[in-house]
Amino acid sequence: FRVFLGEFNFADVGDDGELTFAEEQLRRIINIDETELALCGDTHTGGRPAVAFYDPHLPIASRSVAKSSLACTGIFGSNAAGECVPPHFQLPTSATAEEREKVRYEFLSCVLDTRGRFGCEEERSWPCMIGMNEKGGMTDEEFAKYIDNSIVPLYPDMEDTPGKRVLLKVDSGPGRNGRELLLKCRFRGLYLYPGLPNATSVQQEADHNYGPFKGVVRDNLKKISSAFYTAGLT
C-alpha cells in the first residue's frame, strides 16, 4: 500500500523514504465500509459475537428477542481529509418493477445531507443515496450503481493522470473484483484498493470512525425490538 501511494501520486515520497500528503491528496483518498443493519434483537448482527464462558452443568440464561428477517445494508465512509462520504442505504423491496418501488416518508425525513469539497473547487452539499433490491443487500450490479451514483459525482475533475486520480479503499464484498467494473474505474482514474476480509480496525480504518456508530445502532435496535416483543407487537 505504501508503494502504491507513492507510485500513483497519492503521496509524495521524501528523500528519507517517508510519505507526506498534501491537502488535495488527502481529499482524493476514500475509505468505505459496508455493514448490515438488521431489524432484530440479535446483538451479534454486524459484528463478531463476544466470547462467553459458562458452566455446562448449569442452564444458560437467555433473553427473549424479536426475530426479524428484515435488514438493509448501509455504506459509510470518509476521505483522508475528514470529509464524510454521502451515506448509502440499500433497502429491501418486494416490488417487481422500478416504478412500483416505495420508500417511507418517515425514513427520508431522518436522512440528512453531508457537506464536503472532494474534487470540487468549493464545498457542496451532497444527498444521501438509496438503492433497492429484493433482499436489501449489495450485489455486483448494485455496487456498480453505487460507484456511478455516489462516488463518481464527488470528483468531476477525475481522470487517470497524476493529481487527478481517486483512491477508493473498499472492504470485501460483492462487486469489488468484477473485471468489467475494475476496467471501467481504471479508465476513469478511480482505483479500487481491496482491504482484508473480516479485518479488525488495524487494517480497516473505517472501523475507527463507524465502529461506535454500529454499536449504537445495535443497542437501539435491541431496545426497540425488546419493547415490541414485550408489548406483543411482533
C-alpha atoms as a PDB file:
ATOM      1  CA  PHE A   1       0.000   0.000   0.000  1.00  0.00           C
ATOM      2  CA  ARG A   2       2.890   2.312   0.801  1.00  0.00           C
ATOM      3  CA  VAL A   3       4.473   1.661  -2.610  1.00  0.00           C
ATOM      4  CA  PHE A   4       1.107   2.107  -4.337  1.00  0.00           C
ATOM      5  CA  LEU A   5       0.523   5.539  -2.754  1.00  0.00           C
ATOM      6  CA  GLY A   6       3.880   6.839  -3.970  1.00  0.00           C
ATOM      7  CA  GLU A   7       3.781   5.235  -7.414  1.00  0.00           C
ATOM      8  CA  PHE A   8       0.352   6.654  -8.293  1.00  0.00           C
ATOM      9  CA  ASN A   9       0.980  10.108  -6.788  1.00  0.00           C
ATOM     10  CA  PHE A  10      -1.417   9.873  -3.851  1.00  0.00           C
ATOM     11  CA  ALA A  11       1.514  10.853  -1.632  1.00  0.00           C
ATOM     12  CA  ASP A  12       4.940  12.444  -2.006  1.00  0.00           C
ATOM     13  CA  VAL A  13       7.989  10.368  -1.087  1.00  0.00           C
ATOM     14  CA  GLY A  14      10.768  12.259   0.680  1.00  0.00           C
ATOM     15  CA  ASP A  15      14.493  11.614   0.459  1.00  0.00           C
ATOM     16  CA  ASP A  16      14.216   9.590   3.655  1.00  0.00           C
ATOM     17  CA  GLY A  17      11.535   7.372   2.118  1.00  0.00           C
ATOM     18  CA  GLU A  18       8.749   8.752   4.314  1.00  0.00           C
ATOM     19  CA  LEU A  19       5.392   9.651   2.806  1.00  0.00           C
ATOM     20  CA  THR A  20       3.918  13.144   3.041  1.00  0.00           C
ATOM     21  CA  PHE A  21       0.413  14.149   1.987  1.00  0.00           C
ATOM     22  CA  ALA A  22      -0.821  17.462   0.644  1.00  0.00           C
ATOM     23  CA  GLU A  23      -4.381  18.538   1.459  1.00  0.00           C
ATOM     24  CA  GLU A  24      -5.509  17.890  -2.113  1.00  0.00           C
ATOM     25  CA  GLN A  25      -4.065  14.384  -1.974  1.00  0.00           C
ATOM     26  CA  LEU A  26      -5.930  13.607   1.233  1.00  0.00           C
ATOM     27  CA  ARG A  27      -9.215  14.627  -0.362  1.00  0.00           C
ATOM     28  CA  ARG A  28      -8.726  12.006  -3.073  1.00  0.00           C
ATOM     29  CA  ILE A  29      -8.227   9.003  -0.762  1.00  0.00           C
ATOM     30  CA  ILE A  30     -11.532   7.443   0.368  1.00  0.00           C
ATOM     31  CA  ASN A  31     -12.246   4.548   2.687  1.00  0.00           C
ATOM     32  CA  ILE A  32     -15.733   2.984   2.776  1.00  0.00           C
ATOM     33  CA  ASP A  33     -17.218   0.251   4.922  1.00  0.00           C
ATOM     34  CA  GLU A  34     -20.364  -1.790   4.248  1.00  0.00           C
ATOM     35  CA  THR A  35     -22.409  -3.071   7.176  1.00  0.00           C
ATOM     36  CA  GLU A  36     -25.696  -4.896   7.653  1.00  0.00           C
ATOM     37  CA  LEU A  37     -28.413  -3.168   9.683  1.00  0.00           C
ATOM     38  CA  ALA A  38     -30.848  -5.880  10.785  1.00  0.00           C
ATOM     39  CA  LEU A  39     -34.190  -5.198  12.455  1.00  0.00           C
ATOM     40  CA  CYS A  40     -33.988  -7.834  15.136  1.00  0.00           C
ATOM     41  CA  GLY A  41     -32.803  -8.147  18.714  1.00  0.00           C
ATOM     42  CA  ASP A  42     -29.789 -10.292  17.958  1.00  0.00           C
ATOM     43  CA  THR A  43     -26.769  -8.434  19.329  1.00  0.00           C
ATOM     44  CA  HIS A  44     -24.412 -10.432  17.074  1.00  0.00           C
ATOM     45  CA  THR A  45     -25.596  -8.678  13.925  1.00  0.00           C
ATOM     46  CA  GLY A  46     -22.949  -6.507  12.351  1.00  0.00           C
ATOM     47  CA  GLY A  47     -20.004  -7.784  14.362  1.00  0.00           C
ATOM     48  CA  ARG A  48     -18.254 -10.745  15.909  1.00  0.00           C
ATOM     49  CA  PRO A  49     -20.025 -12.440  18.825  1.00  0.00           C
ATOM     50  CA  ALA A  50     -18.382 -11.858  22.190  1.00  0.00           C
ATOM     51  CA  VAL A  51     -16.637 -14.781  23.900  1.00  0.00           C
ATOM     52  CA  ALA A  52     -18.755 -16.179  26.744  1.00  0.00           C
ATOM     53  CA  PHE A  53     -17.665 -18.578  29.493  1.00  0.00           C
ATOM     54  CA  TYR A  54     -20.252 -20.847  31.098  1.00  0.00           C
ATOM     55  CA  ASP A  55     -20.619 -23.917  33.305  1.00  0.00           C
ATOM     56  CA  PRO A  56     -22.002 -26.843  31.257  1.00  0.00           C
ATOM     57  CA  HIS A  57     -23.699 -28.194  34.406  1.00  0.00           C
ATOM     58  CA  LEU A  58     -25.850 -25.063  34.776  1.00  0.00           C
ATOM     59  CA  PRO A  59     -28.634 -23.802  32.485  1.00  0.00           C
ATOM     60  CA  ILE A  60     -27.695 -20.920  30.222  1.00  0.00           C
ATOM     61  CA  ALA A  61     -29.781 -17.841  30.947  1.00  0.00           C
ATOM     62  CA  SER A  62     -31.224 -16.276  27.817  1.00  0.00           C
ATOM     63  CA  ARG A  63     -33.310 -13.309  26.848  1.00  0.00           C
ATOM     64  CA  SER A  64     -36.295 -13.375  24.516  1.00  0.00           C
ATOM     65  CA  VAL A  65     -35.845 -11.198  21.471  1.00  0.00           C
ATOM     66  CA  ALA A  66     -37.961 -10.303  18.494  1.00  0.00           C
ATOM     67  CA  LYS A  67     -36.534 -12.043  15.443  1.00  0.00           C
ATOM     68  CA  SER A  68     -36.981 -10.463  12.054  1.00  0.00           C
ATOM     69  CA  SER A  69     -35.669 -11.238   8.589  1.00  0.00           C
ATOM     70  CA  LEU A  70     -35.868  -7.559   7.634  1.00  0.00           C
ATOM     71  CA  ALA A  71     -32.470  -5.987   7.080  1.00  0.00           C
ATOM     72  CA  CYS A  72     -30.838  -3.338   4.954  1.00  0.00           C
ATOM     73  CA  THR A  73     -27.261  -2.525   4.062  1.00  0.00           C
ATOM     74  CA  GLY A  74     -25.506   0.726   4.856  1.00  0.00           C
ATOM     75  CA  ILE A  75     -22.300   2.016   3.264  1.00  0.00           C
ATOM     76  CA  PHE A  76     -20.456   4.723   5.161  1.00  0.00           C
ATOM     77  CA  GLY A  77     -17.056   6.285   4.765  1.00  0.00           C
ATOM     78  CA  SER A  78     -14.873   9.367   4.609  1.00  0.00           C
ATOM     79  CA  ASN A  79     -11.837  10.652   2.803  1.00  0.00           C
ATOM     80  CA  ALA A  80      -8.457  11.100   4.445  1.00  0.00           C
ATOM     81  CA  ALA A  81      -9.152  14.825   4.847  1.00  0.00           C
ATOM     82  CA  GLY A  82     -12.090  14.021   7.143  1.00  0.00           C
ATOM     83  CA  GLU A  83     -14.957  14.722   4.745  1.00  0.00           C
ATOM     84  CA  CYS A  84     -17.945  12.384   5.139  1.00  0.00           C
ATOM     85  CA  VAL A  85     -18.900  10.385   2.065  1.00  0.00           C
ATOM     86  CA  PRO A  86     -22.677  10.578   1.476  1.00  0.00           C
ATOM     87  CA  PRO A  87     -24.221   7.528   3.187  1.00  0.00           C
ATOM     88  CA  HIS A  88     -25.865   4.892   1.018  1.00  0.00           C
ATOM     89  CA  PHE A  89     -28.726   2.662   2.165  1.00  0.00           C
ATOM     90  CA  GLN A  90     -29.663  -0.466   0.242  1.00  0.00           C
ATOM     91  CA  LEU A  91     -33.284  -1.197   1.187  1.00  0.00           C
ATOM     92  CA  PRO A  92     -35.358  -4.359   0.642  1.00  0.00           C
ATOM     93  CA  THR A  93     -38.392  -4.228  -1.618  1.00  0.00           C
ATOM     94  CA  SER A  94     -40.936  -6.737  -2.891  1.00  0.00           C
ATOM     95  CA  ALA A  95     -41.698  -4.610  -5.968  1.00  0.00           C
ATOM     96  CA  THR A  96     -41.027  -6.349  -9.267  1.00  0.00           C
ATOM     97  CA  ALA A  97     -40.880  -3.120 -11.298  1.00  0.00           C
ATOM     98  CA  GLU A  98     -38.849   0.035 -10.638  1.00  0.00           C
ATOM     99  CA  GLU A  99     -41.914   2.298 -10.852  1.00  0.00           C
ATOM    100  CA  ARG A 100     -43.565   0.331  -8.011  1.00  0.00           C
ATOM    101  CA  GLU A 101     -40.728   0.786  -5.520  1.00  0.00           C
ATOM    102  CA  LYS A 102     -41.662   2.863  -2.481  1.00  0.00           C
ATOM    103  CA  VAL A 103     -39.800   4.404   0.481  1.00  0.00           C
ATOM    104  CA  ARG A 104     -41.488   5.533   3.692  1.00  0.00           C
ATOM    105  CA  TYR A 105     -41.527   9.302   4.180  1.00  0.00           C
ATOM    106  CA  GLU A 106     -40.558   8.864   7.853  1.00  0.00           C
ATOM    107  CA  PHE A 107     -37.289   7.284   6.706  1.00  0.00           C
ATOM    108  CA  LEU A 108     -36.498  10.026   4.209  1.00  0.00           C
ATOM    109  CA  SER A 109     -37.239  12.781   6.746  1.00  0.00           C
ATOM    110  CA  CYS A 110     -34.460  11.440   9.003  1.00  0.00           C
ATOM    111  CA  VAL A 111     -31.812  11.242   6.291  1.00  0.00           C
ATOM    112  CA  LEU A 112     -29.513  14.278   6.222  1.00  0.00           C
ATOM    113  CA  ASP A 113     -27.230  15.680   3.533  1.00  0.00           C
ATOM    114  CA  THR A 114     -23.472  15.842   4.043  1.00  0.00           C
ATOM    115  CA  ARG A 115     -21.097  18.639   3.100  1.00  0.00           C
ATOM    116  CA  GLY A 116     -17.664  18.374   1.560  1.00  0.00           C
ATOM    117  CA  ARG A 117     -15.403  19.586  -1.193  1.00  0.00           C
ATOM    118  CA  PHE A 118     -13.828  16.344  -2.505  1.00  0.00           C
ATOM    119  CA  GLY A 119     -12.810  17.100  -6.125  1.00  0.00           C
ATOM    120  CA  CYS A 120     -14.777  20.341  -6.477  1.00  0.00           C
ATOM    121  CA  GLU A 121     -13.494  23.903  -6.263  1.00  0.00           C
ATOM    122  CA  GLU A 122     -15.848  24.749  -3.391  1.00  0.00           C
ATOM    123  CA  GLU A 123     -17.659  22.922  -0.610  1.00  0.00           C
ATOM    124  CA  ARG A 124     -21.009  21.476  -1.651  1.00  0.00           C
ATOM    125  CA  SER A 125     -23.986  19.692  -0.127  1.00  0.00           C
ATOM    126  CA  TRP A 126     -24.314  16.010  -1.083  1.00  0.00           C
ATOM    127  CA  PRO A 127     -27.518  13.943  -0.687  1.00  0.00           C
ATOM    128  CA  CYS A 128     -27.782  10.504   0.852  1.00  0.00           C
ATOM    129  CA  MET A 129     -28.235   7.803  -1.781  1.00  0.00           C
ATOM    130  CA  ILE A 130     -30.772   4.970  -1.696  1.00  0.00           C
ATOM    131  CA  GLY A 131     -30.841   1.717  -3.647  1.00  0.00           C
ATOM    132  CA  MET A 132     -33.431  -1.047  -3.551  1.00  0.00           C
ATOM    133  CA  ASN A 133     -33.469  -4.741  -4.347  1.00  0.00           C
ATOM    134  CA  GLU A 134     -35.214  -7.873  -3.108  1.00  0.00           C
ATOM    135  CA  LYS A 135     -33.023  -8.643  -0.083  1.00  0.00           C
ATOM    136  CA  GLY A 136     -31.660  -5.194   0.726  1.00  0.00           C
ATOM    137  CA  GLY A 137     -28.100  -6.390   0.225  1.00  0.00           C
ATOM    138  CA  MET A 138     -25.242  -5.387  -2.025  1.00  0.00           C
ATOM    139  CA  THR A 139     -24.729  -7.276  -5.313  1.00  0.00           C
ATOM    140  CA  ASP A 140     -22.317  -6.839  -8.220  1.00  0.00           C
ATOM    141  CA  GLU A 141     -24.898  -4.749 -10.090  1.00  0.00           C
ATOM    142  CA  GLU A 142     -25.849  -2.627  -7.071  1.00  0.00           C
ATOM    143  CA  PHE A 143     -22.215  -1.949  -6.150  1.00  0.00           C
ATOM    144  CA  ALA A 144     -21.536  -0.734  -9.701  1.00  0.00           C
ATOM    145  CA  LYS A 145     -24.551   1.590  -9.371  1.00  0.00           C
ATOM    146  CA  TYR A 146     -23.181   2.827  -6.035  1.00  0.00           C
ATOM    147  CA  ILE A 147     -19.878   3.739  -7.669  1.00  0.00           C
ATOM    148  CA  ASP A 148     -21.626   5.579 -10.521  1.00  0.00           C
ATOM    149  CA  ASN A 149     -24.171   7.436  -8.375  1.00  0.00           C
ATOM    150  CA  SER A 150     -22.337   8.098  -5.093  1.00  0.00           C
ATOM    151  CA  ILE A 151     -18.568   8.196  -5.729  1.00  0.00           C
ATOM    152  CA  VAL A 152     -18.030   9.436  -9.283  1.00  0.00           C
ATOM    153  CA  PRO A 153     -20.098  12.676  -8.863  1.00  0.00           C
ATOM    154  CA  LEU A 154     -17.833  13.715  -5.954  1.00  0.00           C
ATOM    155  CA  TYR A 155     -14.914  14.168  -8.362  1.00  0.00           C
ATOM    156  CA  PRO A 156     -15.965  15.930 -11.584  1.00  0.00           C
ATOM    157  CA  ASP A 157     -12.251  16.502 -12.343  1.00  0.00           C
ATOM    158  CA  MET A 158     -11.325  12.799 -12.039  1.00  0.00           C
ATOM    159  CA  GLU A 159      -9.109  11.334 -14.766  1.00  0.00           C
ATOM    160  CA  ASP A 160      -6.257   8.843 -14.967  1.00  0.00           C
ATOM    161  CA  THR A 161      -3.451  11.382 -14.663  1.00  0.00           C
ATOM    162  CA  PRO A 162      -1.211  12.324 -11.689  1.00  0.00           C
ATOM    163  CA  GLY A 163      -3.069  14.534  -9.230  1.00  0.00           C
ATOM    164  CA  LYS A 164      -6.481  13.707 -10.681  1.00  0.00           C
ATOM    165  CA  ARG A 165      -6.766  10.061  -9.664  1.00  0.00           C
ATOM    166  CA  VAL A 166      -9.028   8.905  -6.840  1.00  0.00           C
ATOM    167  CA  LEU A 167      -8.263   6.001  -4.498  1.00  0.00           C
ATOM    168  CA  LEU A 168     -11.231   4.074  -3.104  1.00  0.00           C
ATOM    169  CA  LYS A 169     -10.252   1.617  -0.381  1.00  0.00           C
ATOM    170  CA  VAL A 170     -13.034  -0.964  -0.043  1.00  0.00           C
ATOM    171  CA  ASP A 171     -13.900  -3.863   2.226  1.00  0.00           C
ATOM    172  CA  SER A 172     -14.592  -7.365   0.931  1.00  0.00           C
ATOM    173  CA  GLY A 173     -17.965  -7.967  -0.670  1.00  0.00           C
ATOM    174  CA  PRO A 174     -19.840  -8.449  -3.953  1.00  0.00           C
ATOM    175  CA  GLY A 175     -18.682  -6.486  -6.974  1.00  0.00           C
ATOM    176  CA  ARG A 176     -15.260  -5.496  -5.685  1.00  0.00           C
ATOM    177  CA  ASN A 177     -13.380  -7.823  -8.016  1.00  0.00           C
ATOM    178  CA  GLY A 178     -15.595  -7.573 -11.097  1.00  0.00           C
ATOM    179  CA  ARG A 179     -13.312  -7.249 -14.119  1.00  0.00           C
ATOM    180  CA  GLU A 180     -15.697  -5.001 -16.079  1.00  0.00           C
ATOM    181  CA  LEU A 181     -16.124  -2.621 -13.136  1.00  0.00           C
ATOM    182  CA  LEU A 182     -12.388  -2.511 -12.404  1.00  0.00           C
ATOM    183  CA  LEU A 183     -11.580  -1.707 -16.036  1.00  0.00           C
ATOM    184  CA  LYS A 184     -14.256   0.984 -16.154  1.00  0.00           C
ATOM    185  CA  CYS A 185     -12.947   2.547 -12.935  1.00  0.00           C
ATOM    186  CA  ARG A 186      -9.321   2.443 -14.103  1.00  0.00           C
ATOM    187  CA  PHE A 187     -10.136   4.278 -17.342  1.00  0.00           C
ATOM    188  CA  ARG A 188     -11.879   6.924 -15.245  1.00  0.00           C
ATOM    189  CA  GLY A 189      -8.920   7.268 -12.901  1.00  0.00           C
ATOM    190  CA  LEU A 190     -10.699   5.584  -9.976  1.00  0.00           C
ATOM    191  CA  TYR A 191      -8.539   2.956  -8.274  1.00  0.00           C
ATOM    192  CA  LEU A 192     -10.262   0.338  -6.112  1.00  0.00           C
ATOM    193  CA  TYR A 193      -7.907  -0.948  -3.425  1.00  0.00           C
ATOM    194  CA  PRO A 194      -9.199  -4.019  -1.535  1.00  0.00           C
ATOM    195  CA  GLY A 195      -8.842  -4.348   2.223  1.00  0.00           C
ATOM    196  CA  LEU A 196      -8.511  -7.614   4.089  1.00  0.00           C
ATOM    197  CA  PRO A 197     -11.786  -9.540   4.577  1.00  0.00           C
ATOM    198  CA  ASN A 198     -13.111  -9.649   8.163  1.00  0.00           C
ATOM    199  CA  ALA A 199     -10.290  -7.370   9.298  1.00  0.00           C
ATOM    200  CA  THR A 200     -10.074  -5.518  12.586  1.00  0.00           C
ATOM    201  CA  SER A 201      -9.685  -1.752  12.864  1.00  0.00           C
ATOM    202  CA  VAL A 202      -5.911  -2.222  12.425  1.00  0.00           C
ATOM    203  CA  GLN A 203      -6.472  -2.945   8.713  1.00  0.00           C
ATOM    204  CA  GLN A 204      -9.896  -1.305   8.263  1.00  0.00           C
ATOM    205  CA  GLU A 205      -9.615   2.396   9.014  1.00  0.00           C
ATOM    206  CA  ALA A 206     -13.357   2.973   8.671  1.00  0.00           C
ATOM    207  CA  ASP A 207     -13.897   0.901  11.820  1.00  0.00           C
ATOM    208  CA  HIS A 208     -12.251   3.703  13.812  1.00  0.00           C
ATOM    209  CA  ASN A 209     -14.992   6.096  12.681  1.00  0.00           C
ATOM    210  CA  TYR A 210     -18.003   3.838  12.290  1.00  0.00           C
ATOM    211  CA  GLY A 211     -17.365   1.144  14.898  1.00  0.00           C
ATOM    212  CA  PRO A 212     -19.070   3.297  17.583  1.00  0.00           C
ATOM    213  CA  PHE A 213     -21.932   4.022  15.148  1.00  0.00           C
ATOM    214  CA  LYS A 214     -22.527   0.303  14.588  1.00  0.00           C
ATOM    215  CA  GLY A 215     -22.586  -0.276  18.345  1.00  0.00           C
ATOM    216  CA  VAL A 216     -25.192   2.457  18.903  1.00  0.00           C
ATOM    217  CA  VAL A 217     -27.365   1.083  16.061  1.00  0.00           C
ATOM    218  CA  ARG A 218     -27.302  -2.420  17.539  1.00  0.00           C
ATOM    219  CA  ASP A 219     -28.116  -1.140  21.040  1.00  0.00           C
ATOM    220  CA  ASN A 220     -31.049   0.939  19.751  1.00  0.00           C
ATOM    221  CA  LEU A 221     -32.425  -1.946  17.696  1.00  0.00           C
ATOM    222  CA  LYS A 222     -32.164  -4.231  20.728  1.00  0.00           C
ATOM    223  CA  LYS A 223     -34.181  -1.802  22.854  1.00  0.00           C
ATOM    224  CA  ILE A 224     -36.832  -1.275  20.170  1.00  0.00           C
ATOM    225  CA  SER A 225     -37.256  -4.964  19.349  1.00  0.00           C
ATOM    226  CA  SER A 226     -37.423  -5.884  23.058  1.00  0.00           C
ATOM    227  CA  ALA A 227     -40.149  -3.278  23.604  1.00  0.00           C
ATOM    228  CA  PHE A 228     -42.122  -4.610  20.637  1.00  0.00           C
ATOM    229  CA  TYR A 229     -41.782  -8.160  21.968  1.00  0.00           C
ATOM    230  CA  THR A 230     -42.923  -7.176  25.468  1.00  0.00           C
ATOM    231  CA  ALA A 231     -45.945  -5.328  24.065  1.00  0.00           C
ATOM    232  CA  GLY A 232     -46.931  -8.313  21.945  1.00  0.00           C
ATOM    233  CA  LEU A 233     -46.499  -6.423  18.677  1.00  0.00           C
ATOM    234  CA  THR A 234     -44.259  -8.976  16.976  1.00  0.00           C
END
